[in-house]
All heavy atoms as atom14 arrays in JSON, in Angstrom:
{
  "sequence": "ELRRRQAVVREAAAAAGLPAARAREAVTARALGAAGTALLIAPCQ",
  "atom14_mask": [
    [1, 1, 1, 1, 1, 1, 1, 1, 1, 0, 0, 0, 0, 0],
    [1, 1, 1, 1, 1, 1, 1, 1, 0, 0, 0, 0, 0, 0],
    [1, 1, 1, 1, 1, 1, 1, 1, 1, 1, 1, 0, 0, 0],
    [1, 1, 1, 1, 1, 1, 1, 1, 1, 1, 1, 0, 0, 0],
    [1, 1, 1, 1, 1, 1, 1, 1, 1, 1, 1, 0, 0, 0],
    [1, 1, 1, 1, 1, 1, 1, 1, 1, 0, 0, 0, 0, 0],
    [1, 1, 1, 1, 1, 0, 0, 0, 0, 0, 0, 0, 0, 0],
    [1, 1, 1, 1, 1, 1, 1, 0, 0, 0, 0, 0, 0, 0],
    [1, 1, 1, 1, 1, 1, 1, 0, 0, 0, 0, 0, 0, 0],
    [1, 1, 1, 1, 1, 1, 1, 1, 1, 1, 1, 0, 0, 0],
    [1, 1, 1, 1, 1, 1, 1, 1, 1, 0, 0, 0, 0, 0],
    [1, 1, 1, 1, 1, 0, 0, 0, 0, 0, 0, 0, 0, 0],
    [1, 1, 1, 1, 1, 0, 0, 0, 0, 0, 0, 0, 0, 0],
    [1, 1, 1, 1, 1, 0, 0, 0, 0, 0, 0, 0, 0, 0],
    [1, 1, 1, 1, 1, 0, 0, 0, 0, 0, 0, 0, 0, 0],
    [1, 1, 1, 1, 1, 0, 0, 0, 0, 0, 0, 0, 0, 0],
    [1, 1, 1, 1, 0, 0, 0, 0, 0, 0, 0, 0, 0, 0],
    [1, 1, 1, 1, 1, 1, 1, 1, 0, 0, 0, 0, 0, 0],
    [1, 1, 1, 1, 1, 1, 1, 0, 0, 0, 0, 0, 0, 0],
    [1, 1, 1, 1, 1, 0, 0, 0, 0, 0, 0, 0, 0, 0],
    [1, 1, 1, 1, 1, 0, 0, 0, 0, 0, 0, 0, 0, 0],
    [1, 1, 1, 1, 1, 1, 1, 1, 1, 1, 1, 0, 0, 0],
    [1, 1, 1, 1, 1, 0, 0, 0, 0, 0, 0, 0, 0, 0],
    [1, 1, 1, 1, 1, 1, 1, 1, 1, 1, 1, 0, 0, 0],
    [1, 1, 1, 1, 1, 1, 1, 1, 1, 0, 0, 0, 0, 0],
    [1, 1, 1, 1, 1, 0, 0, 0, 0, 0, 0, 0, 0, 0],
    [1, 1, 1, 1, 1, 1, 1, 0, 0, 0, 0, 0, 0, 0],
    [1, 1, 1, 1, 1, 1, 1, 0, 0, 0, 0, 0, 0, 0],
    [1, 1, 1, 1, 1, 0, 0, 0, 0, 0, 0, 0, 0, 0],
    [1, 1, 1, 1, 1, 1, 1, 1, 1, 1, 1, 0, 0, 0],
    [1, 1, 1, 1, 1, 0, 0, 0, 0, 0, 0, 0, 0, 0],
    [1, 1, 1, 1, 1, 1, 1, 1, 0, 0, 0, 0, 0, 0],
    [1, 1, 1, 1, 0, 0, 0, 0, 0, 0, 0, 0, 0, 0],
    [1, 1, 1, 1, 1, 0, 0, 0, 0, 0, 0, 0, 0, 0],
    [1, 1, 1, 1, 1, 0, 0, 0, 0, 0, 0, 0, 0, 0],
    [1, 1, 1, 1, 0, 0, 0, 0, 0, 0, 0, 0, 0, 0],
    [1, 1, 1, 1, 1, 1, 1, 0, 0, 0, 0, 0, 0, 0],
    [1, 1, 1, 1, 1, 0, 0, 0, 0, 0, 0, 0, 0, 0],
    [1, 1, 1, 1, 1, 1, 1, 1, 0, 0, 0, 0, 0, 0],
    [1, 1, 1, 1, 1, 1, 1, 1, 0, 0, 0, 0, 0, 0],
    [1, 1, 1, 1, 1, 1, 1, 1, 0, 0, 0, 0, 0, 0],
    [1, 1, 1, 1, 1, 0, 0, 0, 0, 0, 0, 0, 0, 0],
    [1, 1, 1, 1, 1, 1, 1, 0, 0, 0, 0, 0, 0, 0],
    [1, 1, 1, 1, 1, 1, 0, 0, 0, 0, 0, 0, 0, 0],
    [1, 1, 1, 1, 1, 1, 1, 1, 1, 0, 0, 0, 0, 0]
  ],
  "atom14_positions": [
    [[4.43, 14.42, -63.47], [3.49, 15.42, -64.05], [4.14, 15.98, -65.36], [3.39, 16.21, -66.33], [3.27, 16.58, -63.03], [2.43, 17.75, -63.65], [1.04, 17.32, -64.1], [0.54, 16.29, -63.72], [0.42, 18.11, -64.86], [0.0, 0.0, 0.0], [0.0, 0.0, 0.0], [0.0, 0.0, 0.0], [0.0, 0.0, 0.0], [0.0, 0.0, 0.0]],
    [[5.39, 16.24, -65.36], [6.08, 16.69, -66.61], [5.91, 15.61, -67.69], [5.61, 15.98, -68.82], [7.56, 17.0, -66.28], [8.35, 17.39, -67.51], [7.85, 18.69, -68.13], [9.83, 17.51, -67.17], [0.0, 0.0, 0.0], [0.0, 0.0, 0.0], [0.0, 0.0, 0.0], [0.0, 0.0, 0.0], [0.0, 0.0, 0.0], [0.0, 0.0, 0.0]],
    [[6.16, 14.34, -67.36], [5.98, 13.31, -68.38], [4.53, 13.25, -68.94], [4.33, 13.09, -70.14], [6.4, 11.97, -67.81], [7.86, 11.77, -67.74], [8.17, 10.29, -67.4], [7.66, 9.78, -66.11], [8.19, 9.95, -64.96], [9.42, 10.59, -64.81], [7.66, 9.53, -63.84], [0.0, 0.0, 0.0], [0.0, 0.0, 0.0], [0.0, 0.0, 0.0]],
    [[3.6, 13.48, -68.06], [2.16, 13.47, -68.45], [1.93, 14.62, -69.42], [1.32, 14.46, -70.46], [1.24, 13.56, -67.23], [-0.28, 13.45, -67.6], [-1.15, 13.91, -66.46], [-1.12, 15.36, -66.18], [-1.61, 16.29, -66.96], [-2.19, 15.96, -68.08], [-1.53, 17.58, -66.65], [0.0, 0.0, 0.0], [0.0, 0.0, 0.0], [0.0, 0.0, 0.0]],
    [[2.4, 15.83, -69.06], [2.23, 17.01, -69.93], [2.94, 16.83, -71.28], [2.41, 17.23, -72.33], [2.68, 18.3, -69.23], [1.83, 18.66, -68.03], [2.34, 19.88, -67.38], [1.52, 20.19, -66.17], [1.57, 21.33, -65.52], [2.4, 22.29, -65.82], [0.86, 21.51, -64.45], [0.0, 0.0, 0.0], [0.0, 0.0, 0.0], [0.0, 0.0, 0.0]],
    [[4.12, 16.29, -71.25], [4.86, 16.04, -72.49], [4.08, 15.03, -73.38], [4.05, 15.21, -74.59], [6.29, 15.51, -72.15], [7.16, 16.56, -71.59], [8.53, 16.05, -71.1], [8.61, 14.83, -70.71], [9.5, 16.86, -71.08], [0.0, 0.0, 0.0], [0.0, 0.0, 0.0], [0.0, 0.0, 0.0], [0.0, 0.0, 0.0], [0.0, 0.0, 0.0]],
    [[3.48, 14.02, -72.78], [2.73, 13.01, -73.57], [1.5, 13.73, -74.19], [1.21, 13.42, -75.39], [2.29, 11.89, -72.65], [0.0, 0.0, 0.0], [0.0, 0.0, 0.0], [0.0, 0.0, 0.0], [0.0, 0.0, 0.0], [0.0, 0.0, 0.0], [0.0, 0.0, 0.0], [0.0, 0.0, 0.0], [0.0, 0.0, 0.0], [0.0, 0.0, 0.0]],
    [[0.86, 14.57, -73.47], [-0.32, 15.31, -74.04], [0.1, 16.15, -75.23], [-0.55, 16.12, -76.31], [-0.96, 16.2, -72.96], [-1.93, 17.16, -73.55], [-1.69, 15.33, -71.88], [0.0, 0.0, 0.0], [0.0, 0.0, 0.0], [0.0, 0.0, 0.0], [0.0, 0.0, 0.0], [0.0, 0.0, 0.0], [0.0, 0.0, 0.0], [0.0, 0.0, 0.0]],
    [[1.19, 16.87, -75.11], [1.69, 17.72, -76.2], [2.11, 16.82, -77.35], [1.86, 17.17, -78.46], [2.77, 18.64, -75.72], [3.49, 19.39, -76.84], [2.22, 19.7, -74.72], [0.0, 0.0, 0.0], [0.0, 0.0, 0.0], [0.0, 0.0, 0.0], [0.0, 0.0, 0.0], [0.0, 0.0, 0.0], [0.0, 0.0, 0.0], [0.0, 0.0, 0.0]],
    [[2.81, 15.72, -77.11], [3.29, 14.83, -78.15], [2.06, 14.32, -78.95], [2.03, 14.23, -80.2], [4.08, 13.66, -77.6], [5.55, 13.78, -77.73], [6.27, 12.5, -77.46], [5.89, 11.77, -76.28], [6.26, 12.04, -75.05], [7.12, 13.0, -74.78], [5.84, 11.28, -74.05], [0.0, 0.0, 0.0], [0.0, 0.0, 0.0], [0.0, 0.0, 0.0]],
    [[1.0, 13.86, -78.2], [-0.23, 13.35, -78.88], [-0.89, 14.44, -79.67], [-1.37, 14.18, -80.79], [-1.17, 12.78, -77.85], [-0.7, 11.49, -77.22], [-1.49, 11.06, -76.02], [-2.63, 11.66, -75.8], [-1.06, 10.15, -75.3], [0.0, 0.0, 0.0], [0.0, 0.0, 0.0], [0.0, 0.0, 0.0], [0.0, 0.0, 0.0], [0.0, 0.0, 0.0]],
    [[-0.97, 15.67, -79.16], [-1.59, 16.78, -79.94], [-0.76, 17.08, -81.13], [-1.29, 17.38, -82.19], [-1.69, 17.99, -78.95], [0.0, 0.0, 0.0], [0.0, 0.0, 0.0], [0.0, 0.0, 0.0], [0.0, 0.0, 0.0], [0.0, 0.0, 0.0], [0.0, 0.0, 0.0], [0.0, 0.0, 0.0], [0.0, 0.0, 0.0], [0.0, 0.0, 0.0]],
    [[0.51, 17.08, -81.01], [1.39, 17.4, -82.13], [1.23, 16.31, -83.22], [1.16, 16.67, -84.39], [2.9, 17.44, -81.71], [0.0, 0.0, 0.0], [0.0, 0.0, 0.0], [0.0, 0.0, 0.0], [0.0, 0.0, 0.0], [0.0, 0.0, 0.0], [0.0, 0.0, 0.0], [0.0, 0.0, 0.0], [0.0, 0.0, 0.0], [0.0, 0.0, 0.0]],
    [[1.14, 15.06, -82.82], [0.94, 13.98, -83.85], [-0.38, 14.11, -84.51], [-0.51, 13.96, -85.7], [1.08, 12.65, -83.11], [0.0, 0.0, 0.0], [0.0, 0.0, 0.0], [0.0, 0.0, 0.0], [0.0, 0.0, 0.0], [0.0, 0.0, 0.0], [0.0, 0.0, 0.0], [0.0, 0.0, 0.0], [0.0, 0.0, 0.0], [0.0, 0.0, 0.0]],
    [[-1.42, 14.41, -83.72], [-2.74, 14.6, -84.28], [-2.85, 15.79, -85.21], [-3.56, 15.78, -86.24], [-3.8, 14.79, -83.2], [0.0, 0.0, 0.0], [0.0, 0.0, 0.0], [0.0, 0.0, 0.0], [0.0, 0.0, 0.0], [0.0, 0.0, 0.0], [0.0, 0.0, 0.0], [0.0, 0.0, 0.0], [0.0, 0.0, 0.0], [0.0, 0.0, 0.0]],
    [[-2.03, 16.81, -84.95], [-2.02, 18.03, -85.84], [-1.17, 17.81, -87.1], [-1.19, 18.7, -87.99], [-1.44, 19.22, -85.04], [0.0, 0.0, 0.0], [0.0, 0.0, 0.0], [0.0, 0.0, 0.0], [0.0, 0.0, 0.0], [0.0, 0.0, 0.0], [0.0, 0.0, 0.0], [0.0, 0.0, 0.0], [0.0, 0.0, 0.0], [0.0, 0.0, 0.0]],
    [[-0.44, 16.72, -87.14], [0.4, 16.47, -88.32], [1.8, 17.06, -88.23], [2.45, 17.2, -89.21], [0.0, 0.0, 0.0], [0.0, 0.0, 0.0], [0.0, 0.0, 0.0], [0.0, 0.0, 0.0], [0.0, 0.0, 0.0], [0.0, 0.0, 0.0], [0.0, 0.0, 0.0], [0.0, 0.0, 0.0], [0.0, 0.0, 0.0], [0.0, 0.0, 0.0]],
    [[2.26, 17.34, -87.04], [3.58, 17.91, -86.86], [4.7, 16.98, -87.33], [5.64, 17.49, -87.97], [3.74, 18.29, -85.42], [4.68, 19.47, -85.09], [4.33, 20.69, -85.9], [4.68, 19.78, -83.63], [0.0, 0.0, 0.0], [0.0, 0.0, 0.0], [0.0, 0.0, 0.0], [0.0, 0.0, 0.0], [0.0, 0.0, 0.0], [0.0, 0.0, 0.0]],
    [[4.66, 15.73, -87.07], [5.76, 14.85, -87.6], [5.88, 14.89, -89.1], [7.0, 14.98, -89.67], [5.41, 13.45, -87.11], [4.59, 13.7, -85.86], [3.81, 14.96, -86.15], [0.0, 0.0, 0.0], [0.0, 0.0, 0.0], [0.0, 0.0, 0.0], [0.0, 0.0, 0.0], [0.0, 0.0, 0.0], [0.0, 0.0, 0.0], [0.0, 0.0, 0.0]],
    [[4.75, 14.86, -89.82], [4.81, 14.94, -91.25], [5.34, 16.32, -91.71], [6.09, 16.43, -92.69], [3.44, 14.69, -91.83], [0.0, 0.0, 0.0], [0.0, 0.0, 0.0], [0.0, 0.0, 0.0], [0.0, 0.0, 0.0], [0.0, 0.0, 0.0], [0.0, 0.0, 0.0], [0.0, 0.0, 0.0], [0.0, 0.0, 0.0], [0.0, 0.0, 0.0]],
    [[4.94, 17.38, -91.01], [5.42, 18.7, -91.39], [6.93, 18.82, -91.13], [7.63, 19.42, -92.0], [4.64, 19.76, -90.58], [0.0, 0.0, 0.0], [0.0, 0.0, 0.0], [0.0, 0.0, 0.0], [0.0, 0.0, 0.0], [0.0, 0.0, 0.0], [0.0, 0.0, 0.0], [0.0, 0.0, 0.0], [0.0, 0.0, 0.0], [0.0, 0.0, 0.0]],
    [[7.4, 18.2, -90.06], [8.83, 18.27, -89.82], [9.58, 17.47, -90.91], [10.64, 17.84, -91.35], [9.19, 17.62, -88.46], [8.86, 18.6, -87.33], [9.36, 18.1, -86.0], [9.08, 19.07, -84.93], [8.35, 18.77, -83.86], [7.97, 17.5, -83.62], [8.11, 19.64, -82.97], [0.0, 0.0, 0.0], [0.0, 0.0, 0.0], [0.0, 0.0, 0.0]],
    [[9.03, 16.33, -91.31], [9.65, 15.52, -92.38], [9.65, 16.34, -93.69], [10.7, 16.33, -94.41], [8.9, 14.25, -92.55], [0.0, 0.0, 0.0], [0.0, 0.0, 0.0], [0.0, 0.0, 0.0], [0.0, 0.0, 0.0], [0.0, 0.0, 0.0], [0.0, 0.0, 0.0], [0.0, 0.0, 0.0], [0.0, 0.0, 0.0], [0.0, 0.0, 0.0]],
    [[8.59, 17.07, -94.06], [8.51, 17.89, -95.25], [9.62, 18.96, -95.18], [10.3, 19.22, -96.16], [7.17, 18.53, -95.42], [6.15, 17.69, -96.12], [4.93, 18.51, -96.5], [4.24, 19.11, -95.36], [3.42, 18.52, -94.58], [3.08, 17.23, -94.72], [2.8, 19.18, -93.6], [0.0, 0.0, 0.0], [0.0, 0.0, 0.0], [0.0, 0.0, 0.0]],
    [[9.74, 19.57, -94.04], [10.72, 20.62, -93.85], [12.14, 20.04, -94.04], [12.98, 20.67, -94.71], [10.58, 21.29, -92.51], [11.5, 22.52, -92.28], [12.87, 22.14, -91.86], [13.03, 21.12, -91.17], [13.82, 22.91, -92.22], [0.0, 0.0, 0.0], [0.0, 0.0, 0.0], [0.0, 0.0, 0.0], [0.0, 0.0, 0.0], [0.0, 0.0, 0.0]],
    [[12.41, 18.85, -93.53], [13.71, 18.25, -93.67], [14.01, 17.93, -95.12], [15.15, 18.14, -95.6], [13.82, 17.01, -92.76], [0.0, 0.0, 0.0], [0.0, 0.0, 0.0], [0.0, 0.0, 0.0], [0.0, 0.0, 0.0], [0.0, 0.0, 0.0], [0.0, 0.0, 0.0], [0.0, 0.0, 0.0], [0.0, 0.0, 0.0], [0.0, 0.0, 0.0]],
    [[13.0, 17.42, -95.8], [13.2, 17.09, -97.25], [13.47, 18.37, -98.05], [14.37, 18.37, -98.94], [11.96, 16.33, -97.8], [11.97, 16.28, -99.31], [11.83, 14.93, -97.2], [0.0, 0.0, 0.0], [0.0, 0.0, 0.0], [0.0, 0.0, 0.0], [0.0, 0.0, 0.0], [0.0, 0.0, 0.0], [0.0, 0.0, 0.0], [0.0, 0.0, 0.0]],
    [[12.72, 19.4, -97.81], [12.97, 20.67, -98.55], [14.29, 21.29, -98.15], [14.94, 21.93, -99.02], [11.78, 21.68, -98.36], [11.68, 22.04, -97.01], [10.5, 21.09, -98.88], [0.0, 0.0, 0.0], [0.0, 0.0, 0.0], [0.0, 0.0, 0.0], [0.0, 0.0, 0.0], [0.0, 0.0, 0.0], [0.0, 0.0, 0.0], [0.0, 0.0, 0.0]],
    [[14.73, 21.1, -96.95], [16.04, 21.66, -96.53], [17.18, 20.92, -97.25], [18.11, 21.57, -97.71], [16.24, 21.48, -95.0], [0.0, 0.0, 0.0], [0.0, 0.0, 0.0], [0.0, 0.0, 0.0], [0.0, 0.0, 0.0], [0.0, 0.0, 0.0], [0.0, 0.0, 0.0], [0.0, 0.0, 0.0], [0.0, 0.0, 0.0], [0.0, 0.0, 0.0]],
    [[17.01, 19.59, -97.4], [18.07, 18.82, -98.19], [18.01, 19.29, -99.63], [19.07, 19.41, -100.26], [17.8, 17.32, -98.0], [18.22, 16.83, -96.64], [18.26, 15.31, -96.61], [16.96, 14.67, -96.82], [16.06, 14.51, -95.81], [16.36, 14.9, -94.58], [14.9, 13.95, -96.08], [0.0, 0.0, 0.0], [0.0, 0.0, 0.0], [0.0, 0.0, 0.0]],
    [[16.84, 19.46, -100.2], [16.72, 19.86, -101.6], [17.35, 21.26, -101.79], [18.01, 21.52, -102.82], [15.24, 19.86, -102.04], [0.0, 0.0, 0.0], [0.0, 0.0, 0.0], [0.0, 0.0, 0.0], [0.0, 0.0, 0.0], [0.0, 0.0, 0.0], [0.0, 0.0, 0.0], [0.0, 0.0, 0.0], [0.0, 0.0, 0.0], [0.0, 0.0, 0.0]],
    [[17.11, 22.12, -100.82], [17.7, 23.49, -100.88], [19.23, 23.41, -100.86], [19.93, 24.08, -101.66], [17.15, 24.37, -99.8], [17.63, 25.78, -99.67], [17.35, 26.56, -101.0], [17.04, 26.49, -98.47], [0.0, 0.0, 0.0], [0.0, 0.0, 0.0], [0.0, 0.0, 0.0], [0.0, 0.0, 0.0], [0.0, 0.0, 0.0], [0.0, 0.0, 0.0]],
    [[19.75, 22.58, -99.97], [21.18, 22.4, -99.88], [21.74, 21.85, -101.22], [22.8, 22.31, -101.69], [0.0, 0.0, 0.0], [0.0, 0.0, 0.0], [0.0, 0.0, 0.0], [0.0, 0.0, 0.0], [0.0, 0.0, 0.0], [0.0, 0.0, 0.0], [0.0, 0.0, 0.0], [0.0, 0.0, 0.0], [0.0, 0.0, 0.0], [0.0, 0.0, 0.0]],
    [[21.09, 20.88, -101.77], [21.55, 20.29, -103.03], [21.49, 21.27, -104.2], [22.35, 21.37, -105.02], [20.65, 19.07, -103.4], [0.0, 0.0, 0.0], [0.0, 0.0, 0.0], [0.0, 0.0, 0.0], [0.0, 0.0, 0.0], [0.0, 0.0, 0.0], [0.0, 0.0, 0.0], [0.0, 0.0, 0.0], [0.0, 0.0, 0.0], [0.0, 0.0, 0.0]],
    [[20.44, 22.16, -104.17], [20.36, 23.18, -105.23], [21.45, 24.23, -105.08], [21.99, 24.69, -106.07], [18.91, 23.87, -105.16], [0.0, 0.0, 0.0], [0.0, 0.0, 0.0], [0.0, 0.0, 0.0], [0.0, 0.0, 0.0], [0.0, 0.0, 0.0], [0.0, 0.0, 0.0], [0.0, 0.0, 0.0], [0.0, 0.0, 0.0], [0.0, 0.0, 0.0]],
    [[21.76, 24.51, -103.84], [22.87, 25.53, -103.64], [24.19, 24.93, -104.07], [24.97, 25.6, -104.75], [0.0, 0.0, 0.0], [0.0, 0.0, 0.0], [0.0, 0.0, 0.0], [0.0, 0.0, 0.0], [0.0, 0.0, 0.0], [0.0, 0.0, 0.0], [0.0, 0.0, 0.0], [0.0, 0.0, 0.0], [0.0, 0.0, 0.0], [0.0, 0.0, 0.0]],
    [[24.42, 23.68, -103.77], [25.65, 23.02, -104.2], [25.67, 22.96, -105.77], [26.75, 23.23, -106.33], [25.76, 21.65, -103.61], [25.78, 21.69, -102.22], [26.97, 20.9, -104.07], [0.0, 0.0, 0.0], [0.0, 0.0, 0.0], [0.0, 0.0, 0.0], [0.0, 0.0, 0.0], [0.0, 0.0, 0.0], [0.0, 0.0, 0.0], [0.0, 0.0, 0.0]],
    [[24.55, 22.61, -106.38], [24.57, 22.54, -107.82], [24.85, 23.87, -108.46], [25.54, 23.98, -109.47], [23.18, 22.05, -108.25], [0.0, 0.0, 0.0], [0.0, 0.0, 0.0], [0.0, 0.0, 0.0], [0.0, 0.0, 0.0], [0.0, 0.0, 0.0], [0.0, 0.0, 0.0], [0.0, 0.0, 0.0], [0.0, 0.0, 0.0], [0.0, 0.0, 0.0]],
    [[24.34, 24.96, -107.86], [24.66, 26.3, -108.37], [26.15, 26.62, -108.27], [26.76, 27.1, -109.21], [23.82, 27.33, -107.66], [24.21, 28.78, -108.12], [23.1, 29.32, -109.0], [24.4, 29.68, -106.93], [0.0, 0.0, 0.0], [0.0, 0.0, 0.0], [0.0, 0.0, 0.0], [0.0, 0.0, 0.0], [0.0, 0.0, 0.0], [0.0, 0.0, 0.0]],
    [[26.7, 26.28, -107.16], [28.12, 26.63, -106.92], [29.04, 25.81, -107.81], [30.15, 26.31, -108.14], [28.49, 26.49, -105.41], [27.81, 27.53, -104.51], [28.13, 27.2, -103.04], [28.22, 28.9, -104.9], [0.0, 0.0, 0.0], [0.0, 0.0, 0.0], [0.0, 0.0, 0.0], [0.0, 0.0, 0.0], [0.0, 0.0, 0.0], [0.0, 0.0, 0.0]],
    [[28.7, 24.6, -108.19], [29.55, 23.83, -109.04], [29.22, 23.96, -110.5], [29.98, 23.4, -111.33], [29.63, 22.33, -108.57], [28.26, 21.67, -108.76], [30.11, 22.2, -107.19], [28.22, 20.18, -108.53], [0.0, 0.0, 0.0], [0.0, 0.0, 0.0], [0.0, 0.0, 0.0], [0.0, 0.0, 0.0], [0.0, 0.0, 0.0], [0.0, 0.0, 0.0]],
    [[28.15, 24.62, -110.86], [27.82, 24.9, -112.23], [28.92, 25.72, -112.88], [29.43, 26.69, -112.28], [26.49, 25.59, -112.3], [0.0, 0.0, 0.0], [0.0, 0.0, 0.0], [0.0, 0.0, 0.0], [0.0, 0.0, 0.0], [0.0, 0.0, 0.0], [0.0, 0.0, 0.0], [0.0, 0.0, 0.0], [0.0, 0.0, 0.0], [0.0, 0.0, 0.0]],
    [[29.29, 25.37, -114.16], [30.34, 26.12, -114.78], [29.88, 27.52, -115.23], [28.8, 27.68, -115.77], [30.71, 25.26, -116.03], [29.47, 24.46, -116.29], [28.81, 24.27, -114.93], [0.0, 0.0, 0.0], [0.0, 0.0, 0.0], [0.0, 0.0, 0.0], [0.0, 0.0, 0.0], [0.0, 0.0, 0.0], [0.0, 0.0, 0.0], [0.0, 0.0, 0.0]],
    [[30.7, 28.52, -114.93], [30.45, 29.89, -115.38], [30.74, 29.98, -116.87], [31.8, 29.59, -117.32], [31.27, 30.89, -114.58], [30.79, 31.09, -112.86], [0.0, 0.0, 0.0], [0.0, 0.0, 0.0], [0.0, 0.0, 0.0], [0.0, 0.0, 0.0], [0.0, 0.0, 0.0], [0.0, 0.0, 0.0], [0.0, 0.0, 0.0], [0.0, 0.0, 0.0]],
    [[29.83, 30.62, -117.6], [30.06, 30.87, -119.02], [30.13, 32.37, -119.32], [30.51, 32.73, -120.39], [29.0, 30.24, -119.82], [28.98, 28.69, -119.74], [27.88, 28.05, -120.53], [26.9, 28.68, -120.91], [28.02, 26.72, -120.75], [0.0, 0.0, 0.0], [0.0, 0.0, 0.0], [0.0, 0.0, 0.0], [0.0, 0.0, 0.0], [0.0, 0.0, 0.0]]
  ]
}
């Protein structure tokens, strides 16, 4: 029963676009990390 319920939620999540939203969040998280690193290594004038 748990596997059945998990499958229903997985299918609903996929239909709602959750995997794409997670991928967008991961991309923006990496970009945020890179921007933070760029700021910290930028030379102070």
